[in-house]
Amino acid sequence: MKRAMTDAATRRRAIDPLDTDLLEPLEERDKRLYAIVSKAIRYRGILSEEVKRLRIGDDPEVVRALLARWDVLIREIQRLAVEL
């Protein structure tokens, strides 16, 4: 088993020059996807807080105003998704 792991590690270290053409775009796509997920999780936390506010009886107009502040975050998520 140890030998199989060593062989796999050796194969990962030696990247064929032709594979770099595939590797670079995949790494870039991975970074973009991570950014989307990160921003979506942040926005989900914001939404969760605003749902709590509504459930405890806060004025819906106040909650709408608070959510409007995060429109920039939504646009950023959309931009990143288009680039993906």
C-alpha atoms as a PDB file:
ATOM      1  CA  MET A   1       0.000   0.000   0.000  1.00  0.00           C
ATOM      2  CA  LYS A   2       2.837   2.343   0.841  1.00  0.00           C
ATOM      3  CA  ARG A   3       4.373   1.789  -2.588  1.00  0.00           C
ATOM      4  CA  ALA A   4       1.105   2.648  -4.329  1.00  0.00           C
ATOM      5  CA  MET A   5       0.932   5.920  -2.423  1.00  0.00           C
ATOM      6  CA  THR A   6       4.527   6.728  -3.352  1.00  0.00           C
ATOM      7  CA  ASP A   7       3.856   6.014  -7.032  1.00  0.00           C
ATOM      8  CA  ALA A   8       0.812   8.273  -6.986  1.00  0.00           C
ATOM      9  CA  ALA A   9       2.789  11.043  -5.280  1.00  0.00           C
ATOM     10  CA  THR A  10       5.547  10.753  -7.872  1.00  0.00           C
ATOM     11  CA  ARG A  11       3.047  11.035 -10.696  1.00  0.00           C
ATOM     12  CA  ARG A  12       1.533  14.158  -9.132  1.00  0.00           C
ATOM     13  CA  ARG A  13       4.886  15.900  -8.780  1.00  0.00           C
ATOM     14  CA  ALA A  14       5.938  15.402 -12.391  1.00  0.00           C
ATOM     15  CA  ILE A  15       3.459  17.358 -14.489  1.00  0.00           C
ATOM     16  CA  ASP A  16       3.730  16.867 -18.188  1.00  0.00           C
ATOM     17  CA  PRO A  17       4.133  20.215 -20.010  1.00  0.00           C
ATOM     18  CA  LEU A  18       1.028  19.400 -22.028  1.00  0.00           C
ATOM     19  CA  ASP A  19      -0.951  19.002 -18.807  1.00  0.00           C
ATOM     20  CA  THR A  20      -0.194  22.569 -17.729  1.00  0.00           C
ATOM     21  CA  ASP A  21      -2.557  23.745 -20.470  1.00  0.00           C
ATOM     22  CA  LEU A  22      -5.304  21.853 -18.682  1.00  0.00           C
ATOM     23  CA  LEU A  23      -4.112  22.469 -15.136  1.00  0.00           C
ATOM     24  CA  GLU A  24      -4.031  26.277 -15.269  1.00  0.00           C
ATOM     25  CA  PRO A  25      -7.646  26.747 -16.417  1.00  0.00           C
ATOM     26  CA  LEU A  26      -8.852  24.188 -13.888  1.00  0.00           C
ATOM     27  CA  GLU A  27      -7.023  25.931 -11.062  1.00  0.00           C
ATOM     28  CA  GLU A  28      -8.474  29.274 -12.160  1.00  0.00           C
ATOM     29  CA  ARG A  29     -11.968  27.787 -12.298  1.00  0.00           C
ATOM     30  CA  ASP A  30     -11.421  26.307  -8.830  1.00  0.00           C
ATOM     31  CA  LYS A  31     -10.502  29.767  -7.468  1.00  0.00           C
ATOM     32  CA  ARG A  32     -13.613  31.313  -9.028  1.00  0.00           C
ATOM     33  CA  LEU A  33     -15.852  28.591  -7.676  1.00  0.00           C
ATOM     34  CA  TYR A  34     -14.348  29.029  -4.218  1.00  0.00           C
ATOM     35  CA  ALA A  35     -15.037  32.773  -4.400  1.00  0.00           C
ATOM     36  CA  ILE A  36     -18.660  32.125  -5.387  1.00  0.00           C
ATOM     37  CA  VAL A  37     -19.174  29.630  -2.578  1.00  0.00           C
ATOM     38  CA  SER A  38     -17.520  31.936  -0.063  1.00  0.00           C
ATOM     39  CA  LYS A  39     -19.706  34.904  -1.021  1.00  0.00           C
ATOM     40  CA  ALA A  40     -22.849  32.754  -1.160  1.00  0.00           C
ATOM     41  CA  ILE A  41     -22.181  31.453   2.352  1.00  0.00           C
ATOM     42  CA  ARG A  42     -21.681  35.014   3.562  1.00  0.00           C
ATOM     43  CA  TYR A  43     -24.939  36.104   1.930  1.00  0.00           C
ATOM     44  CA  ARG A  44     -26.759  33.096   3.387  1.00  0.00           C
ATOM     45  CA  GLY A  45     -25.663  34.180   6.865  1.00  0.00           C
ATOM     46  CA  ILE A  46     -26.994  37.679   6.206  1.00  0.00           C
ATOM     47  CA  LEU A  47     -30.318  36.291   4.986  1.00  0.00           C
ATOM     48  CA  SER A  48     -30.568  34.055   8.020  1.00  0.00           C
ATOM     49  CA  GLU A  49     -30.177  37.048  10.325  1.00  0.00           C
ATOM     50  CA  GLU A  50     -32.829  39.001   8.459  1.00  0.00           C
ATOM     51  CA  VAL A  51     -35.253  36.057   8.603  1.00  0.00           C
ATOM     52  CA  LYS A  52     -34.739  36.007  12.376  1.00  0.00           C
ATOM     53  CA  ARG A  53     -35.522  39.746  12.505  1.00  0.00           C
ATOM     54  CA  LEU A  54     -38.762  39.215  10.612  1.00  0.00           C
ATOM     55  CA  ARG A  55     -39.773  36.313  12.867  1.00  0.00           C
ATOM     56  CA  ILE A  56     -39.292  38.368  16.018  1.00  0.00           C
ATOM     57  CA  GLY A  57     -41.500  41.079  14.572  1.00  0.00           C
ATOM     58  CA  ASP A  58     -39.200  43.695  13.063  1.00  0.00           C
ATOM     59  CA  ASP A  59     -40.709  45.981  10.467  1.00  0.00           C
ATOM     60  CA  PRO A  60     -40.464  44.363   6.996  1.00  0.00           C
ATOM     61  CA  GLU A  61     -39.452  47.701   5.456  1.00  0.00           C
ATOM     62  CA  VAL A  62     -36.454  47.904   7.785  1.00  0.00           C
ATOM     63  CA  VAL A  63     -35.433  44.374   6.802  1.00  0.00           C
ATOM     64  CA  ARG A  64     -35.804  45.222   3.085  1.00  0.00           C
ATOM     65  CA  ALA A  65     -33.599  48.272   3.584  1.00  0.00           C
ATOM     66  CA  LEU A  66     -30.964  46.185   5.360  1.00  0.00           C
ATOM     67  CA  LEU A  67     -30.992  43.596   2.577  1.00  0.00           C
ATOM     68  CA  ALA A  68     -30.666  46.291  -0.084  1.00  0.00           C
ATOM     69  CA  ARG A  69     -27.250  47.141   1.350  1.00  0.00           C
ATOM     70  CA  TRP A  70     -26.049  43.725   0.212  1.00  0.00           C
ATOM     71  CA  ASP A  71     -27.061  44.096  -3.446  1.00  0.00           C
ATOM     72  CA  VAL A  72     -23.383  44.617  -4.237  1.00  0.00           C
ATOM     73  CA  LEU A  73     -22.662  41.141  -2.897  1.00  0.00           C
ATOM     74  CA  ILE A  74     -25.393  39.629  -5.069  1.00  0.00           C
ATOM     75  CA  ARG A  75     -24.014  41.370  -8.160  1.00  0.00           C
ATOM     76  CA  GLU A  76     -20.530  40.080  -7.333  1.00  0.00           C
ATOM     77  CA  ILE A  77     -21.853  36.506  -7.054  1.00  0.00           C
ATOM     78  CA  GLN A  78     -23.617  36.889 -10.401  1.00  0.00           C
ATOM     79  CA  ARG A  79     -20.482  38.284 -12.069  1.00  0.00           C
ATOM     80  CA  LEU A  80     -18.362  35.437 -10.768  1.00  0.00           C
ATOM     81  CA  ALA A  81     -20.938  32.883 -11.899  1.00  0.00           C
ATOM     82  CA  VAL A  82     -20.928  34.286 -15.429  1.00  0.00           C
ATOM     83  CA  GLU A  83     -17.131  34.073 -15.562  1.00  0.00           C
ATOM     84  CA  LEU A  84     -17.181  30.476 -14.352  1.00  0.00           C
END
